[in-house]
């Protein structure tokens, strides 16, 4: 049997939740596309072993939303101090989540090879940390295993080129 765009694919999360998605939407994921192409089964099941159900549900929502059109490319560096002006309204609402959820979306997108979703989530994180000091970024990420002042000074000296060129 040849895969039709209106056929359904079942994605199964690491916690056993099942999500039905159209083959057309699923093929926005390069991993899914590789599995779907040439598959002769009527129902295709794909286990996303490293993705929890609540996150896979969000990923499926994203894929279904963009099944008929490509997501808009995000211009980098971000051109505005308002993230809502940098992305489509639907994308803004979709990724306006807790930082932990955004990271899980990135991990799931990486596993499923969905480049546009990786870019959207990464742009959101870039926006969150844009213009922040190292201390503010550590607080955002709850990372208090900081360098000593001497280590920070050494890192700044070694990476002065970055600050001058970015």
C-alpha atoms as a PDB file:
ATOM      1  CA  UNK A   1       0.000   0.000   0.000  1.00  0.00           C
ATOM      2  CA  UNK A   2       1.301   3.447  -0.888  1.00  0.00           C
ATOM      3  CA  UNK A   3       1.086   6.155   1.758  1.00  0.00           C
ATOM      4  CA  UNK A   4      -1.577   8.750   1.054  1.00  0.00           C
ATOM      5  CA  UNK A   5      -1.384  12.196   2.595  1.00  0.00           C
ATOM      6  CA  UNK A   6      -4.701  11.654   4.369  1.00  0.00           C
ATOM      7  CA  UNK A   7      -3.539   8.379   5.961  1.00  0.00           C
ATOM      8  CA  UNK A   8      -2.963   8.399   9.687  1.00  0.00           C
ATOM      9  CA  UNK A   9       0.158   7.697  11.646  1.00  0.00           C
ATOM     10  CA  UNK A  10       0.114   6.768  15.324  1.00  0.00           C
ATOM     11  CA  UNK A  11       2.831   8.312  17.447  1.00  0.00           C
ATOM     12  CA  UNK A  12       3.371   6.727  20.850  1.00  0.00           C
ATOM     13  CA  UNK A  13       5.001   8.686  23.666  1.00  0.00           C
ATOM     14  CA  UNK A  14       7.445   7.313  26.214  1.00  0.00           C
ATOM     15  CA  UNK A  15       4.598   7.059  28.732  1.00  0.00           C
ATOM     16  CA  UNK A  16       2.387   5.128  26.302  1.00  0.00           C
ATOM     17  CA  UNK A  17       0.070   7.899  25.128  1.00  0.00           C
ATOM     18  CA  UNK A  18      -1.066   7.502  21.527  1.00  0.00           C
ATOM     19  CA  UNK A  19      -1.519  10.403  19.139  1.00  0.00           C
ATOM     20  CA  UNK A  20      -3.039  10.133  15.696  1.00  0.00           C
ATOM     21  CA  UNK A  21      -1.535  12.443  13.097  1.00  0.00           C
ATOM     22  CA  UNK A  22      -1.968  12.711   9.342  1.00  0.00           C
ATOM     23  CA  UNK A  23       0.900  11.393   7.264  1.00  0.00           C
ATOM     24  CA  UNK A  24       1.145  14.791   5.590  1.00  0.00           C
ATOM     25  CA  UNK A  25       1.687  16.526   8.934  1.00  0.00           C
ATOM     26  CA  UNK A  26       4.010  13.809  10.234  1.00  0.00           C
ATOM     27  CA  UNK A  27       6.243  14.244   7.215  1.00  0.00           C
ATOM     28  CA  UNK A  28       7.240  17.725   8.486  1.00  0.00           C
ATOM     29  CA  UNK A  29       9.467  15.655  10.792  1.00  0.00           C
ATOM     30  CA  UNK A  30      12.440  14.288   8.873  1.00  0.00           C
ATOM     31  CA  UNK A  31      12.512  11.196  11.120  1.00  0.00           C
ATOM     32  CA  UNK A  32       8.836  10.531  10.463  1.00  0.00           C
ATOM     33  CA  UNK A  33       9.283  11.171   6.756  1.00  0.00           C
ATOM     34  CA  UNK A  34      12.085   8.603   6.616  1.00  0.00           C
ATOM     35  CA  UNK A  35       9.841   6.054   8.347  1.00  0.00           C
ATOM     36  CA  UNK A  36       6.742   6.814   6.264  1.00  0.00           C
ATOM     37  CA  UNK A  37       8.324   6.836   2.799  1.00  0.00           C
ATOM     38  CA  UNK A  38       8.085   3.368   1.341  1.00  0.00           C
ATOM     39  CA  UNK A  39       6.153   1.936   4.284  1.00  0.00           C
ATOM     40  CA  UNK A  40       3.438  -0.456   3.120  1.00  0.00           C
ATOM     41  CA  UNK A  41       1.501  -0.852   6.360  1.00  0.00           C
ATOM     42  CA  UNK A  42      -2.019   0.536   6.622  1.00  0.00           C
ATOM     43  CA  UNK A  43      -1.326   1.904  10.084  1.00  0.00           C
ATOM     44  CA  UNK A  44       2.125   3.129  10.977  1.00  0.00           C
ATOM     45  CA  UNK A  45       3.104   3.254  14.624  1.00  0.00           C
ATOM     46  CA  UNK A  46       6.143   5.212  15.700  1.00  0.00           C
ATOM     47  CA  UNK A  47       7.418   5.122  19.260  1.00  0.00           C
ATOM     48  CA  UNK A  48       8.926   8.363  20.465  1.00  0.00           C
ATOM     49  CA  UNK A  49      10.740   6.692  23.339  1.00  0.00           C
ATOM     50  CA  UNK A  50      12.326   9.840  24.694  1.00  0.00           C
ATOM     51  CA  UNK A  51       9.278  12.120  24.448  1.00  0.00           C
ATOM     52  CA  UNK A  52       6.624  12.348  27.169  1.00  0.00           C
ATOM     53  CA  UNK A  53       2.957  12.496  26.224  1.00  0.00           C
ATOM     54  CA  UNK A  54       2.310  16.120  27.157  1.00  0.00           C
ATOM     55  CA  UNK A  55       5.220  17.250  24.980  1.00  0.00           C
ATOM     56  CA  UNK A  56       4.416  14.903  22.092  1.00  0.00           C
ATOM     57  CA  UNK A  57       0.880  16.314  22.122  1.00  0.00           C
ATOM     58  CA  UNK A  58       2.348  19.811  21.601  1.00  0.00           C
ATOM     59  CA  UNK A  59       4.632  18.567  18.813  1.00  0.00           C
ATOM     60  CA  UNK A  60       1.705  16.877  17.049  1.00  0.00           C
ATOM     61  CA  UNK A  61      -0.271  20.128  17.352  1.00  0.00           C
ATOM     62  CA  UNK A  62       2.617  22.005  15.715  1.00  0.00           C
ATOM     63  CA  UNK A  63       2.992  19.467  12.898  1.00  0.00           C
ATOM     64  CA  UNK A  64      -0.751  19.455  12.173  1.00  0.00           C
ATOM     65  CA  UNK A  65      -0.829  23.254  12.126  1.00  0.00           C
ATOM     66  CA  UNK A  66       1.912  23.346   9.487  1.00  0.00           C
ATOM     67  CA  UNK A  67       0.878  20.361   7.399  1.00  0.00           C
ATOM     68  CA  UNK A  68      -0.201  22.568   4.477  1.00  0.00           C
ATOM     69  CA  UNK A  69       2.369  25.345   4.700  1.00  0.00           C
ATOM     70  CA  UNK A  70       5.955  25.867   5.784  1.00  0.00           C
ATOM     71  CA  UNK A  71       6.518  27.809   8.985  1.00  0.00           C
ATOM     72  CA  UNK A  72       7.794  31.336   8.507  1.00  0.00           C
ATOM     73  CA  UNK A  73      11.575  31.601   8.796  1.00  0.00           C
ATOM     74  CA  UNK A  74      12.656  33.514  11.889  1.00  0.00           C
ATOM     75  CA  UNK A  75      15.110  36.303  11.169  1.00  0.00           C
ATOM     76  CA  UNK A  76      18.190  36.172  13.352  1.00  0.00           C
ATOM     77  CA  UNK A  77      19.339  38.081  15.182  1.00  0.00           C
ATOM     78  CA  UNK A  78      15.895  38.925  16.507  1.00  0.00           C
ATOM     79  CA  UNK A  79      14.898  42.310  15.110  1.00  0.00           C
ATOM     80  CA  UNK A  80      12.678  43.546  17.931  1.00  0.00           C
ATOM     81  CA  UNK A  81      12.562  43.863  21.690  1.00  0.00           C
ATOM     82  CA  UNK A  82       9.074  42.320  21.463  1.00  0.00           C
ATOM     83  CA  UNK A  83       9.136  38.590  20.629  1.00  0.00           C
ATOM     84  CA  UNK A  84       5.571  38.799  19.323  1.00  0.00           C
ATOM     85  CA  UNK A  85       6.855  41.002  16.481  1.00  0.00           C
ATOM     86  CA  UNK A  86       9.536  38.440  15.543  1.00  0.00           C
ATOM     87  CA  UNK A  87       7.230  35.460  14.895  1.00  0.00           C
ATOM     88  CA  UNK A  88       3.747  34.681  13.621  1.00  0.00           C
ATOM     89  CA  UNK A  89       0.927  35.059  16.145  1.00  0.00           C
ATOM     90  CA  UNK A  90       0.201  31.321  16.179  1.00  0.00           C
ATOM     91  CA  UNK A  91       3.890  30.541  16.794  1.00  0.00           C
ATOM     92  CA  UNK A  92       4.010  33.126  19.568  1.00  0.00           C
ATOM     93  CA  UNK A  93       1.039  31.580  21.360  1.00  0.00           C
ATOM     94  CA  UNK A  94       2.361  28.065  20.776  1.00  0.00           C
ATOM     95  CA  UNK A  95       5.824  28.671  22.265  1.00  0.00           C
ATOM     96  CA  UNK A  96       4.770  31.075  25.042  1.00  0.00           C
ATOM     97  CA  UNK A  97       5.452  28.414  27.671  1.00  0.00           C
ATOM     98  CA  UNK A  98       7.441  27.753  30.791  1.00  0.00           C
ATOM     99  CA  UNK A  99      11.184  27.471  30.130  1.00  0.00           C
ATOM    100  CA  UNK A 100      11.227  23.794  31.135  1.00  0.00           C
ATOM    101  CA  UNK A 101       8.541  22.979  28.564  1.00  0.00           C
ATOM    102  CA  UNK A 102      10.432  24.899  25.880  1.00  0.00           C
ATOM    103  CA  UNK A 103      13.540  22.818  26.581  1.00  0.00           C
ATOM    104  CA  UNK A 104      11.517  19.608  26.369  1.00  0.00           C
ATOM    105  CA  UNK A 105      10.068  20.790  23.050  1.00  0.00           C
ATOM    106  CA  UNK A 106      13.613  21.362  21.788  1.00  0.00           C
ATOM    107  CA  UNK A 107      14.657  17.859  22.860  1.00  0.00           C
ATOM    108  CA  UNK A 108      11.588  16.305  21.211  1.00  0.00           C
ATOM    109  CA  UNK A 109      12.121  18.352  18.049  1.00  0.00           C
ATOM    110  CA  UNK A 110      15.729  17.291  17.932  1.00  0.00           C
ATOM    111  CA  UNK A 111      14.774  13.615  18.347  1.00  0.00           C
ATOM    112  CA  UNK A 112      12.084  13.880  15.653  1.00  0.00           C
ATOM    113  CA  UNK A 113      14.258  16.147  13.481  1.00  0.00           C
ATOM    114  CA  UNK A 114      11.842  19.078  13.125  1.00  0.00           C
ATOM    115  CA  UNK A 115      14.193  21.922  12.293  1.00  0.00           C
ATOM    116  CA  UNK A 116      11.565  24.688  12.185  1.00  0.00           C
ATOM    117  CA  UNK A 117      10.367  23.847  15.706  1.00  0.00           C
ATOM    118  CA  UNK A 118      13.934  23.728  17.021  1.00  0.00           C
ATOM    119  CA  UNK A 119      14.456  27.196  15.530  1.00  0.00           C
ATOM    120  CA  UNK A 120      11.239  28.581  17.036  1.00  0.00           C
ATOM    121  CA  UNK A 121      11.970  27.262  20.525  1.00  0.00           C
ATOM    122  CA  UNK A 122      15.615  28.335  20.342  1.00  0.00           C
ATOM    123  CA  UNK A 123      14.582  31.831  19.236  1.00  0.00           C
ATOM    124  CA  UNK A 124      12.272  32.047  22.257  1.00  0.00           C
ATOM    125  CA  UNK A 125      15.136  31.115  24.582  1.00  0.00           C
ATOM    126  CA  UNK A 126      17.440  33.583  22.817  1.00  0.00           C
ATOM    127  CA  UNK A 127      14.804  36.261  23.343  1.00  0.00           C
ATOM    128  CA  UNK A 128      14.503  35.395  27.033  1.00  0.00           C
ATOM    129  CA  UNK A 129      18.250  35.795  27.647  1.00  0.00           C
ATOM    130  CA  UNK A 130      18.912  38.641  25.191  1.00  0.00           C
ATOM    131  CA  UNK A 131      20.574  41.573  26.939  1.00  0.00           C
ATOM    132  CA  UNK A 132      20.829  39.789  30.278  1.00  0.00           C
ATOM    133  CA  UNK A 133      23.937  39.657  32.437  1.00  0.00           C
ATOM    134  CA  UNK A 134      25.612  36.352  33.240  1.00  0.00           C
ATOM    135  CA  UNK A 135      24.092  36.487  36.721  1.00  0.00           C
ATOM    136  CA  UNK A 136      20.593  37.119  35.351  1.00  0.00           C
ATOM    137  CA  UNK A 137      20.992  34.212  32.916  1.00  0.00           C
ATOM    138  CA  UNK A 138      22.145  31.919  35.741  1.00  0.00           C
ATOM    139  CA  UNK A 139      19.018  32.928  37.680  1.00  0.00           C
ATOM    140  CA  UNK A 140      16.754  32.310  34.669  1.00  0.00           C
ATOM    141  CA  UNK A 141      18.204  28.823  34.196  1.00  0.00           C
ATOM    142  CA  UNK A 142      18.480  28.251  37.951  1.00  0.00           C
ATOM    143  CA  UNK A 143      22.171  27.489  37.483  1.00  0.00           C
ATOM    144  CA  UNK A 144      24.060  28.662  40.524  1.00  0.00           C
ATOM    145  CA  UNK A 145      27.137  26.527  39.961  1.00  0.00           C
ATOM    146  CA  UNK A 146      28.925  29.623  38.818  1.00  0.00           C
ATOM    147  CA  UNK A 147      32.549  30.271  38.146  1.00  0.00           C
ATOM    148  CA  UNK A 148      34.696  32.073  40.649  1.00  0.00           C
ATOM    149  CA  UNK A 149      35.328  35.756  39.847  1.00  0.00           C
ATOM    150  CA  UNK A 150      38.837  34.812  38.697  1.00  0.00           C
ATOM    151  CA  UNK A 151      37.469  32.102  36.371  1.00  0.00           C
ATOM    152  CA  UNK A 152      34.890  34.514  34.944  1.00  0.00           C
ATOM    153  CA  UNK A 153      37.599  37.102  34.255  1.00  0.00           C
ATOM    154  CA  UNK A 154      39.724  34.487  32.491  1.00  0.00           C
ATOM    155  CA  UNK A 155      36.754  33.352  30.364  1.00  0.00           C
ATOM    156  CA  UNK A 156      35.959  36.966  29.432  1.00  0.00           C
ATOM    157  CA  UNK A 157      39.582  37.542  28.391  1.00  0.00           C
ATOM    158  CA  UNK A 158      39.670  34.351  26.324  1.00  0.00           C
ATOM    159  CA  UNK A 159      36.384  35.181  24.588  1.00  0.00           C
ATOM    160  CA  UNK A 160      36.717  38.931  24.095  1.00  0.00           C
ATOM    161  CA  UNK A 161      36.480  38.348  20.330  1.00  0.00           C
ATOM    162  CA  UNK A 162      32.895  37.101  20.817  1.00  0.00           C
ATOM    163  CA  UNK A 163      31.760  40.251  22.572  1.00  0.00           C
ATOM    164  CA  UNK A 164      33.449  42.429  19.920  1.00  0.00           C
ATOM    165  CA  UNK A 165      31.897  40.527  16.987  1.00  0.00           C
ATOM    166  CA  UNK A 166      28.392  39.719  18.198  1.00  0.00           C
END
